[in-house]
Amino acid sequence: MHTLIGIAFSHYVEKARWALDRFAVPYDDERVLPFFHFPAVWRVHRGRAGTADRASSKYSTPVLRTPDGTLICDSGDIVRYVSETFAPAGLSLEPGADGEALEQRVHDRLGPHTRRLGYSAVFERPALLKRMARENVTRGQAAVFSAMVPVAKVAMQRLLNISDEAAARSAVKIRAEFDHVGELLADGRPYLDGDRFTSADIAFACMAAPSLLPPEYSAWMPSPDDVVERVAVTMRELRAHPAGQHALRMFAEERNRVVV
């Protein structure tokens, strides 16, 4: 049995879950909340296996433990491992060189900004934060998190630089990346790497997800109608963008498709 350790609603973790679910790989889905992920990851590799980059630290999730004990600590590496190991012939998720470059680009340039926008959308609504905990993790963990919401909110604001001003700057960056993807789609291609669904589509859809809140997301998330209106306006605009439409279509058509 594989074990996936990850922040329940993380869009990086969603990439890993998508690949595992697509190929019906049995796995224990160990879902944790922000801050609870530090001891969960420490228990597995004590910071020795993770790699820090623009979006992550050595204690970031997801972490996948394979049946032979191998640890894979990067969402893109997990998707590649799952595809290479479990994809039927001809149905690999591996993209071409352009798709691979796009996957890295959205990881670096889009993911941190949609995360910031997503958190800013709910931070003024403690009831939403508590429901996100209640719907996504065990009762005990949710109860502890709910009790510490005021402290957790301040800590996360500092850790991830979340403020109204920073969220507004992130919205500009998100629109720029959506415009880039929109230009790729302008030639009528059905998928980002051409005529075939690949990890590039998974990566973009997941990295865009906190700014779109697709209903097919595998963790419970609010809808744009639930969040603060100034962010909801941006989310509705991004949903209507050609790139946003592509991400929503990928979730609607591909997120729950099983290929065996």
Protein backbone atom coordinates (compact mmCIF):
# COMPACT_ATOMS: atom_id res chain seq x y z
CA MET A 1 0.00 0.00 0.00
CA HIS A 2 1.23 3.47 -0.85
CA THR A 3 0.86 6.25 1.72
CA LEU A 4 0.28 9.87 0.73
CA ILE A 5 0.90 12.49 3.39
CA GLY A 6 -0.38 15.93 2.53
CA ILE A 7 -2.16 19.10 3.59
CA ALA A 8 -5.76 18.17 2.90
CA PHE A 9 -6.63 21.02 0.54
CA SER A 10 -3.18 21.77 -0.89
CA HIS A 11 -3.18 22.17 -4.67
CA TYR A 12 0.26 20.54 -4.78
CA VAL A 13 -1.17 17.50 -3.01
CA GLU A 14 -4.13 17.50 -5.42
CA LYS A 15 -1.67 16.86 -8.28
CA ALA A 16 -0.46 13.70 -6.56
CA ARG A 17 -3.97 12.51 -5.68
CA TRP A 18 -5.12 13.07 -9.26
CA ALA A 19 -2.45 10.77 -10.68
CA LEU A 20 -3.00 8.09 -8.04
CA ASP A 21 -6.76 8.19 -8.50
CA ARG A 22 -6.54 8.17 -12.30
CA PHE A 23 -4.74 4.84 -12.36
CA ALA A 24 -6.64 3.37 -9.39
CA VAL A 25 -3.51 3.03 -7.27
CA PRO A 26 -4.46 1.90 -3.73
CA TYR A 27 -3.12 4.36 -1.17
CA ASP A 28 -3.62 5.50 2.38
CA ASP A 29 -4.56 9.19 2.16
CA GLU A 30 -3.12 10.73 5.32
CA ARG A 31 -4.67 14.22 5.34
CA VAL A 32 -3.41 16.90 7.68
CA LEU A 33 -3.95 20.63 8.15
CA PRO A 34 -1.36 23.41 7.90
CA PHE A 35 1.09 23.27 10.85
CA PHE A 36 0.03 19.67 11.57
CA HIS A 37 2.01 18.77 8.45
CA PHE A 38 5.32 19.59 10.16
CA PRO A 39 5.19 16.69 12.66
CA ALA A 40 3.64 14.42 10.01
CA VAL A 41 6.56 15.02 7.64
CA TRP A 42 9.14 14.96 10.45
CA ARG A 43 7.89 11.53 11.44
CA VAL A 44 8.52 10.26 7.90
CA HIS A 45 11.86 11.79 6.90
CA ARG A 46 12.95 14.43 9.46
CA GLY A 47 13.56 16.99 6.72
CA ARG A 48 16.20 14.85 5.00
CA ALA A 49 14.21 13.90 1.90
CA GLY A 50 12.42 17.16 1.09
CA THR A 51 13.84 19.86 -1.16
CA ALA A 52 13.26 23.59 -0.75
CA ASP A 53 12.33 25.59 -3.84
CA ARG A 54 10.35 28.73 -4.72
CA ALA A 55 7.09 27.20 -3.53
CA SER A 56 8.10 24.66 -0.88
CA SER A 57 10.28 23.89 2.12
CA LYS A 58 11.93 20.64 3.20
CA TYR A 59 8.83 19.95 5.29
CA SER A 60 6.30 20.61 2.55
CA THR A 61 3.78 18.10 1.30
CA PRO A 62 2.94 15.92 -0.55
CA VAL A 63 5.14 13.03 0.53
CA LEU A 64 4.49 9.65 -1.07
CA ARG A 65 5.86 6.51 0.58
CA THR A 66 5.91 3.58 -1.83
CA PRO A 67 5.44 -0.05 -0.71
CA ASP A 68 9.21 -0.60 -0.73
CA GLY A 69 9.76 2.42 1.53
CA THR A 70 10.96 4.87 -1.10
CA LEU A 71 9.98 8.48 -0.35
CA ILE A 72 9.00 10.87 -3.14
CA CYS A 73 8.63 14.44 -1.92
CA ASP A 74 7.77 16.50 -5.01
CA SER A 75 4.33 16.58 -6.60
CA GLY A 76 5.72 16.48 -10.13
CA ASP A 77 7.98 13.55 -9.28
CA ILE A 78 5.02 11.72 -7.76
CA VAL A 79 2.96 12.19 -10.92
CA ARG A 80 5.86 10.92 -13.05
CA TYR A 81 6.42 7.90 -10.79
CA VAL A 82 2.73 6.98 -10.84
CA SER A 83 2.47 7.39 -14.61
CA GLU A 84 5.62 5.38 -15.34
CA THR A 85 4.63 2.62 -12.92
CA PHE A 86 0.90 2.27 -13.39
CA ALA A 87 -0.24 3.87 -16.68
CA PRO A 88 -1.51 1.39 -19.29
CA ALA A 89 0.40 1.31 -22.57
CA GLY A 90 -0.22 4.43 -24.62
CA LEU A 91 -1.93 6.30 -21.77
CA SER A 92 1.08 7.82 -20.03
CA LEU A 93 0.78 11.29 -18.53
CA GLU A 94 4.27 12.22 -19.73
CA PRO A 95 4.23 15.46 -21.74
CA GLY A 96 6.63 16.60 -24.42
CA ALA A 97 9.38 19.13 -23.76
CA ASP A 98 7.02 22.11 -24.06
CA GLY A 99 4.52 20.55 -21.69
CA GLU A 100 7.26 19.75 -19.20
CA ALA A 101 8.46 23.36 -19.28
CA LEU A 102 4.90 24.60 -18.76
CA GLU A 103 4.49 22.26 -15.80
CA GLN A 104 7.54 23.75 -14.11
CA ARG A 105 6.44 27.27 -14.98
CA VAL A 106 3.02 26.97 -13.36
CA HIS A 107 4.58 25.30 -10.31
CA ASP A 108 6.92 28.27 -9.84
CA ARG A 109 4.92 31.22 -11.16
CA LEU A 110 1.29 30.30 -10.56
CA GLY A 111 1.04 27.98 -7.56
CA PRO A 112 2.32 30.37 -4.85
CA HIS A 113 0.07 33.18 -6.05
CA THR A 114 -3.16 31.17 -6.26
CA ARG A 115 -2.40 29.80 -2.80
CA ARG A 116 -2.12 33.35 -1.48
CA LEU A 117 -5.33 34.43 -3.21
CA GLY A 118 -7.18 31.35 -1.95
CA TYR A 119 -6.18 31.88 1.66
CA SER A 120 -6.99 35.59 1.49
CA ALA A 121 -10.48 34.65 0.29
CA VAL A 122 -11.30 32.79 3.52
CA PHE A 123 -9.17 34.42 6.22
CA GLU A 124 -11.85 36.98 7.04
CA ARG A 125 -14.39 34.20 7.50
CA PRO A 126 -13.27 32.02 10.43
CA ALA A 127 -16.37 29.84 10.03
CA LEU A 128 -15.13 28.84 6.57
CA LEU A 129 -11.69 27.93 7.92
CA LYS A 130 -13.31 25.80 10.61
CA ARG A 131 -15.55 24.08 8.07
CA MET A 132 -12.55 23.39 5.81
CA ALA A 133 -10.97 21.64 8.79
CA ARG A 134 -14.13 19.80 9.78
CA GLU A 135 -14.84 18.52 6.27
CA ASN A 136 -11.28 17.42 5.43
CA VAL A 137 -9.57 15.84 8.44
CA THR A 138 -10.31 13.79 11.53
CA ARG A 139 -12.58 15.20 14.20
CA GLY A 140 -9.80 15.56 16.74
CA GLN A 141 -7.45 17.37 14.41
CA ALA A 142 -10.26 19.66 13.25
CA ALA A 143 -11.18 20.50 16.83
CA VAL A 144 -7.62 21.48 17.73
CA PHE A 145 -7.24 23.55 14.55
CA SER A 146 -10.58 25.31 15.11
CA ALA A 147 -9.53 26.28 18.62
CA MET A 148 -6.28 27.76 17.32
CA VAL A 149 -7.73 29.53 14.23
CA PRO A 150 -6.84 33.08 15.44
CA VAL A 151 -3.23 32.09 16.09
CA ALA A 152 -3.00 29.94 12.95
CA LYS A 153 -4.35 32.78 10.83
CA VAL A 154 -1.66 35.20 12.03
CA ALA A 155 1.10 32.62 11.62
CA MET A 156 -0.01 31.73 8.09
CA GLN A 157 -0.29 35.39 7.13
CA ARG A 158 3.32 35.88 8.15
CA LEU A 159 4.60 32.61 6.71
CA LEU A 160 2.93 33.02 3.29
CA ASN A 161 2.85 36.84 3.15
CA ILE A 162 -0.94 37.01 3.01
CA SER A 163 -2.49 40.47 3.05
CA ASP A 164 -4.97 42.39 0.92
CA GLU A 165 -2.12 44.17 -0.85
CA ALA A 166 -0.12 40.98 -1.47
CA ALA A 167 -3.25 39.19 -2.72
CA ALA A 168 -3.90 42.03 -5.17
CA ARG A 169 -0.35 41.73 -6.50
CA SER A 170 -0.77 37.97 -6.77
CA ALA A 171 -3.98 38.45 -8.77
CA VAL A 172 -1.97 40.40 -11.35
CA LYS A 173 0.57 37.55 -11.59
CA ILE A 174 -2.23 34.99 -11.91
CA ARG A 175 -3.82 36.90 -14.79
CA ALA A 176 -0.45 37.03 -16.57
CA GLU A 177 -0.04 33.24 -16.32
CA PHE A 178 -3.63 32.71 -17.42
CA ASP A 179 -2.95 34.93 -20.43
CA HIS A 180 0.11 32.82 -21.28
CA VAL A 181 -1.92 29.61 -21.14
CA GLY A 182 -4.75 31.27 -23.04
CA GLU A 183 -2.35 32.05 -25.89
CA LEU A 184 -1.41 28.35 -26.07
CA LEU A 185 -5.05 27.34 -26.24
CA ALA A 186 -5.91 29.93 -28.89
CA ASP A 187 -4.99 27.51 -31.70
CA GLY A 188 -7.87 25.26 -30.68
CA ARG A 189 -5.86 22.45 -29.07
CA PRO A 190 -7.94 20.37 -26.63
CA TYR A 191 -5.07 19.92 -24.18
CA LEU A 192 -2.07 22.00 -23.23
CA ASP A 193 0.43 19.67 -24.86
CA GLY A 194 -1.65 19.07 -27.98
CA ASP A 195 -4.15 16.29 -28.58
CA ARG A 196 -3.43 14.24 -25.45
CA PHE A 197 -4.18 14.74 -21.75
CA THR A 198 -0.88 14.93 -19.85
CA SER A 199 0.60 16.02 -16.56
CA ALA A 200 0.79 19.55 -17.98
CA ASP A 201 -3.01 19.70 -17.83
CA ILE A 202 -3.01 18.28 -14.30
CA ALA A 203 -0.36 20.76 -13.18
CA PHE A 204 -2.10 23.81 -14.61
CA ALA A 205 -5.57 22.79 -13.41
CA CYS A 206 -4.28 22.13 -9.89
CA MET A 207 -2.15 25.25 -9.65
CA ALA A 208 -5.10 27.31 -10.86
CA ALA A 209 -7.60 25.60 -8.55
CA PRO A 210 -7.36 27.87 -5.47
CA SER A 211 -8.34 30.81 -7.67
CA LEU A 212 -11.23 28.91 -9.32
CA LEU A 213 -12.54 26.57 -6.58
CA PRO A 214 -13.73 23.77 -8.90
CA PRO A 215 -16.46 21.57 -7.38
CA GLU A 216 -14.63 18.36 -8.39
CA TYR A 217 -11.64 19.13 -6.14
CA SER A 218 -10.92 16.08 -3.98
CA ALA A 219 -10.91 18.07 -0.73
CA TRP A 220 -13.82 20.18 0.46
CA MET A 221 -13.44 23.79 -0.65
CA PRO A 222 -15.92 26.67 -0.54
CA SER A 223 -17.44 28.11 -3.69
CA PRO A 224 -16.72 31.65 -4.92
CA ASP A 225 -20.12 32.65 -3.52
CA ASP A 226 -18.90 31.77 -0.01
CA VAL A 227 -15.74 33.89 0.10
CA VAL A 228 -15.21 37.62 0.62
CA GLU A 229 -16.67 39.54 -2.30
CA ARG A 230 -13.53 41.41 -3.37
CA VAL A 231 -11.81 38.06 -3.99
CA ALA A 232 -14.95 36.44 -5.38
CA VAL A 233 -15.00 39.09 -8.14
CA THR A 234 -11.47 38.08 -9.17
CA MET A 235 -12.36 34.39 -9.03
CA ARG A 236 -15.38 34.86 -11.30
CA GLU A 237 -13.23 36.79 -13.75
CA LEU A 238 -10.62 34.02 -13.77
CA ARG A 239 -13.30 31.35 -14.21
CA ALA A 240 -14.47 33.14 -17.37
CA HIS A 241 -10.94 33.40 -18.81
CA PRO A 242 -10.11 30.81 -21.54
CA ALA A 243 -7.38 29.36 -19.31
CA GLY A 244 -9.76 29.20 -16.37
CA GLN A 245 -12.33 27.50 -18.58
CA HIS A 246 -9.70 24.92 -19.56
CA ALA A 247 -8.81 24.20 -15.93
CA LEU A 248 -12.48 23.83 -14.99
CA ARG A 249 -13.04 21.51 -17.95
CA MET A 250 -10.09 19.35 -16.92
CA PHE A 251 -11.59 18.96 -13.46
CA ALA A 252 -15.05 18.26 -14.84
CA GLU A 253 -13.97 15.77 -17.51
CA GLU A 254 -10.73 14.24 -16.25
CA ARG A 255 -10.47 14.53 -12.46
CA ASN A 256 -12.63 11.49 -11.72
CA ARG A 257 -11.78 9.50 -14.83
CA VAL A 258 -10.15 6.17 -13.99
CA VAL A 259 -7.82 4.59 -16.55
CA VAL A 260 -6.78 0.98 -15.96
